[in-house]
Amino acid sequence: MLAKRFADAKPYEAPNHRGVVGLRLQGFEPGGPENQWVGLS
């Protein structure tokens, strides 16, 4: 597992979640999981 600092998490737009800021913590990056991800909103 790759550790990611909160400050390095990339924001993303979640469908049908208006006014919510989502951060992708794990997944869809080199060396990480390809079919799953973990986010925080």
PDB file of N, CA and C in Angstrom:
ATOM      1  N   MET A   1       0.842  -1.175   0.000  1.00  0.00           N
ATOM      2  CA  MET A   1       0.000   0.000   0.000  1.00  0.00           C
ATOM      3  C   MET A   1       0.885   1.236   0.000  1.00  0.00           C
ATOM      4  N   LEU A   2       0.480   2.213  -0.748  1.00  0.00           N
ATOM      5  CA  LEU A   2       1.175   3.490  -0.772  1.00  0.00           C
ATOM      6  C   LEU A   2       0.513   4.441   0.218  1.00  0.00           C
ATOM      7  N   ALA A   3       1.325   5.109   1.040  1.00  0.00           N
ATOM      8  CA  ALA A   3       0.781   6.092   1.980  1.00  0.00           C
ATOM      9  C   ALA A   3       0.705   7.446   1.286  1.00  0.00           C
ATOM     10  N   LYS A   4      -0.384   8.158   1.512  1.00  0.00           N
ATOM     11  CA  LYS A   4      -0.551   9.487   0.914  1.00  0.00           C
ATOM     12  C   LYS A   4      -0.917  10.469   2.016  1.00  0.00           C
ATOM     13  N   ARG A   5      -0.241  11.572   2.029  1.00  0.00           N
ATOM     14  CA  ARG A   5      -0.556  12.616   3.002  1.00  0.00           C
ATOM     15  C   ARG A   5      -1.834  13.334   2.577  1.00  0.00           C
ATOM     16  N   PHE A   6      -2.582  13.773   3.561  1.00  0.00           N
ATOM     17  CA  PHE A   6      -3.845  14.464   3.307  1.00  0.00           C
ATOM     18  C   PHE A   6      -3.638  15.646   2.368  1.00  0.00           C
ATOM     19  N   ALA A   7      -2.562  16.390   2.562  1.00  0.00           N
ATOM     20  CA  ALA A   7      -2.285  17.570   1.736  1.00  0.00           C
ATOM     21  C   ALA A   7      -2.012  17.208   0.275  1.00  0.00           C
ATOM     22  N   ASP A   8      -1.637  15.955   0.005  1.00  0.00           N
ATOM     23  CA  ASP A   8      -1.329  15.514  -1.359  1.00  0.00           C
ATOM     24  C   ASP A   8      -2.522  14.876  -2.064  1.00  0.00           C
ATOM     25  N   ALA A   9      -3.636  14.721  -1.375  1.00  0.00           N
ATOM     26  CA  ALA A   9      -4.821  14.089  -1.974  1.00  0.00           C
ATOM     27  C   ALA A   9      -5.406  15.000  -3.049  1.00  0.00           C
ATOM     28  N   LYS A  10      -5.785  14.401  -4.183  1.00  0.00           N
ATOM     29  CA  LYS A  10      -6.337  15.154  -5.313  1.00  0.00           C
ATOM     30  C   LYS A  10      -7.856  15.261  -5.188  1.00  0.00           C
ATOM     31  N   PRO A  11      -8.420  16.447  -5.399  1.00  0.00           N
ATOM     32  CA  PRO A  11      -9.878  16.590  -5.361  1.00  0.00           C
ATOM     33  C   PRO A  11     -10.519  15.969  -6.601  1.00  0.00           C
ATOM     34  N   TYR A  12     -11.766  15.559  -6.471  1.00  0.00           N
ATOM     35  CA  TYR A  12     -12.513  15.028  -7.606  1.00  0.00           C
ATOM     36  C   TYR A  12     -13.973  15.431  -7.476  1.00  0.00           C
ATOM     37  N   GLU A  13     -14.671  15.453  -8.599  1.00  0.00           N
ATOM     38  CA  GLU A  13     -16.100  15.773  -8.648  1.00  0.00           C
ATOM     39  C   GLU A  13     -16.886  14.469  -8.594  1.00  0.00           C
ATOM     40  N   ALA A  14     -17.701  14.289  -7.583  1.00  0.00           N
ATOM     41  CA  ALA A  14     -18.536  13.091  -7.469  1.00  0.00           C
ATOM     42  C   ALA A  14     -19.906  13.378  -8.088  1.00  0.00           C
ATOM     43  N   PRO A  15     -20.384  12.496  -8.960  1.00  0.00           N
ATOM     44  CA  PRO A  15     -21.697  12.707  -9.578  1.00  0.00           C
ATOM     45  C   PRO A  15     -22.811  12.798  -8.529  1.00  0.00           C
ATOM     46  N   ASN A  16     -23.710  13.744  -8.706  1.00  0.00           N
ATOM     47  CA  ASN A  16     -24.878  13.930  -7.832  1.00  0.00           C
ATOM     48  C   ASN A  16     -24.523  14.284  -6.389  1.00  0.00           C
ATOM     49  N   HIS A  17     -23.351  14.820  -6.147  1.00  0.00           N
ATOM     50  CA  HIS A  17     -22.952  15.272  -4.811  1.00  0.00           C
ATOM     51  C   HIS A  17     -22.642  16.764  -4.895  1.00  0.00           C
ATOM     52  N   ARG A  18     -23.660  17.556  -5.044  1.00  0.00           N
ATOM     53  CA  ARG A  18     -23.486  18.997  -5.212  1.00  0.00           C
ATOM     54  C   ARG A  18     -23.037  19.663  -3.908  1.00  0.00           C
ATOM     55  N   GLY A  19     -22.057  20.520  -4.026  1.00  0.00           N
ATOM     56  CA  GLY A  19     -21.565  21.242  -2.859  1.00  0.00           C
ATOM     57  C   GLY A  19     -20.677  20.414  -1.948  1.00  0.00           C
ATOM     58  N   VAL A  20     -20.206  19.263  -2.427  1.00  0.00           N
ATOM     59  CA  VAL A  20     -19.349  18.387  -1.626  1.00  0.00           C
ATOM     60  C   VAL A  20     -17.955  18.375  -2.243  1.00  0.00           C
ATOM     61  N   VAL A  21     -16.942  18.472  -1.414  1.00  0.00           N
ATOM     62  CA  VAL A  21     -15.567  18.349  -1.884  1.00  0.00           C
ATOM     63  C   VAL A  21     -15.108  16.932  -1.606  1.00  0.00           C
ATOM     64  N   GLY A  22     -14.704  16.230  -2.646  1.00  0.00           N
ATOM     65  CA  GLY A  22     -14.205  14.868  -2.493  1.00  0.00           C
ATOM     66  C   GLY A  22     -12.705  14.827  -2.716  1.00  0.00           C
ATOM     67  N   LEU A  23     -12.008  13.991  -1.954  1.00  0.00           N
ATOM     68  CA  LEU A  23     -10.569  13.803  -2.108  1.00  0.00           C
ATOM     69  C   LEU A  23     -10.297  12.328  -2.359  1.00  0.00           C
ATOM     70  N   ARG A  24      -9.512  12.024  -3.367  1.00  0.00           N
ATOM     71  CA  ARG A  24      -9.129  10.641  -3.647  1.00  0.00           C
ATOM     72  C   ARG A  24      -7.862  10.345  -2.862  1.00  0.00           C
ATOM     73  N   LEU A  25      -7.952   9.391  -1.935  1.00  0.00           N
ATOM     74  CA  LEU A  25      -6.817   9.053  -1.083  1.00  0.00           C
ATOM     75  C   LEU A  25      -5.990   7.907  -1.649  1.00  0.00           C
ATOM     76  N   GLN A  26      -6.626   6.911  -2.225  1.00  0.00           N
ATOM     77  CA  GLN A  26      -5.942   5.748  -2.787  1.00  0.00           C
ATOM     78  C   GLN A  26      -6.634   5.315  -4.057  1.00  0.00           C
ATOM     79  N   GLY A  27      -5.869   4.825  -5.010  1.00  0.00           N
ATOM     80  CA  GLY A  27      -6.418   4.210  -6.207  1.00  0.00           C
ATOM     81  C   GLY A  27      -6.232   5.017  -7.474  1.00  0.00           C
ATOM     82  N   PHE A  28      -6.218   4.285  -8.611  1.00  0.00           N
ATOM     83  CA  PHE A  28      -6.098   4.866  -9.949  1.00  0.00           C
ATOM     84  C   PHE A  28      -4.847   5.718 -10.121  1.00  0.00           C
ATOM     85  N   GLU A  29      -3.727   5.243  -9.582  1.00  0.00           N
ATOM     86  CA  GLU A  29      -2.457   5.928  -9.762  1.00  0.00           C
ATOM     87  C   GLU A  29      -1.362   4.876  -9.924  1.00  0.00           C
ATOM     88  N   PRO A  30      -0.201   5.226 -10.476  1.00  0.00           N
ATOM     89  CA  PRO A  30       0.862   4.241 -10.678  1.00  0.00           C
ATOM     90  C   PRO A  30       1.252   3.544  -9.375  1.00  0.00           C
ATOM     91  N   GLY A  31       1.282   2.235  -9.388  1.00  0.00           N
ATOM     92  CA  GLY A  31       1.658   1.463  -8.212  1.00  0.00           C
ATOM     93  C   GLY A  31       0.529   1.228  -7.228  1.00  0.00           C
ATOM     94  N   GLY A  32      -0.638   1.776  -7.495  1.00  0.00           N
ATOM     95  CA  GLY A  32      -1.779   1.615  -6.592  1.00  0.00           C
ATOM     96  C   GLY A  32      -2.832   0.703  -7.192  1.00  0.00           C
ATOM     97  N   PRO A  33      -3.937   0.514  -6.490  1.00  0.00           N
ATOM     98  CA  PRO A  33      -5.017  -0.325  -7.000  1.00  0.00           C
ATOM     99  C   PRO A  33      -5.583   0.235  -8.301  1.00  0.00           C
ATOM    100  N   GLU A  34      -5.995  -0.669  -9.192  1.00  0.00           N
ATOM    101  CA  GLU A  34      -6.536  -0.246 -10.481  1.00  0.00           C
ATOM    102  C   GLU A  34      -8.050  -0.377 -10.570  1.00  0.00           C
ATOM    103  N   ASN A  35      -8.657  -1.161  -9.692  1.00  0.00           N
ATOM    104  CA  ASN A  35     -10.099  -1.372  -9.796  1.00  0.00           C
ATOM    105  C   ASN A  35     -10.860  -0.918  -8.551  1.00  0.00           C
ATOM    106  N   GLN A  36     -10.176  -0.357  -7.590  1.00  0.00           N
ATOM    107  CA  GLN A  36     -10.814   0.136  -6.369  1.00  0.00           C
ATOM    108  C   GLN A  36     -10.132   1.441  -5.974  1.00  0.00           C
ATOM    109  N   TRP A  37     -10.849   2.252  -5.233  1.00  0.00           N
ATOM    110  CA  TRP A  37     -10.244   3.468  -4.724  1.00  0.00           C
ATOM    111  C   TRP A  37     -10.899   3.845  -3.407  1.00  0.00           C
ATOM    112  N   VAL A  38     -10.230   4.706  -2.661  1.00  0.00           N
ATOM    113  CA  VAL A  38     -10.728   5.187  -1.373  1.00  0.00           C
ATOM    114  C   VAL A  38     -10.766   6.702  -1.447  1.00  0.00           C
ATOM    115  N   GLY A  39     -11.901   7.261  -1.080  1.00  0.00           N
ATOM    116  CA  GLY A  39     -12.053   8.707  -1.095  1.00  0.00           C
ATOM    117  C   GLY A  39     -12.579   9.221   0.230  1.00  0.00           C
ATOM    118  N   LEU A  40     -12.514  10.506   0.395  1.00  0.00           N
ATOM    119  CA  LEU A  40     -13.017  11.182   1.587  1.00  0.00           C
ATOM    120  C   LEU A  40     -13.831  12.374   1.122  1.00  0.00           C
ATOM    121  N   SER A  41     -15.020  12.530   1.675  1.00  0.00           N
ATOM    122  CA  SER A  41     -15.837  13.687   1.300  1.00  0.00           C
ATOM    123  C   SER A  41     -16.358  14.376   2.535  1.00  0.00           C
TER     124      SER A  41
END
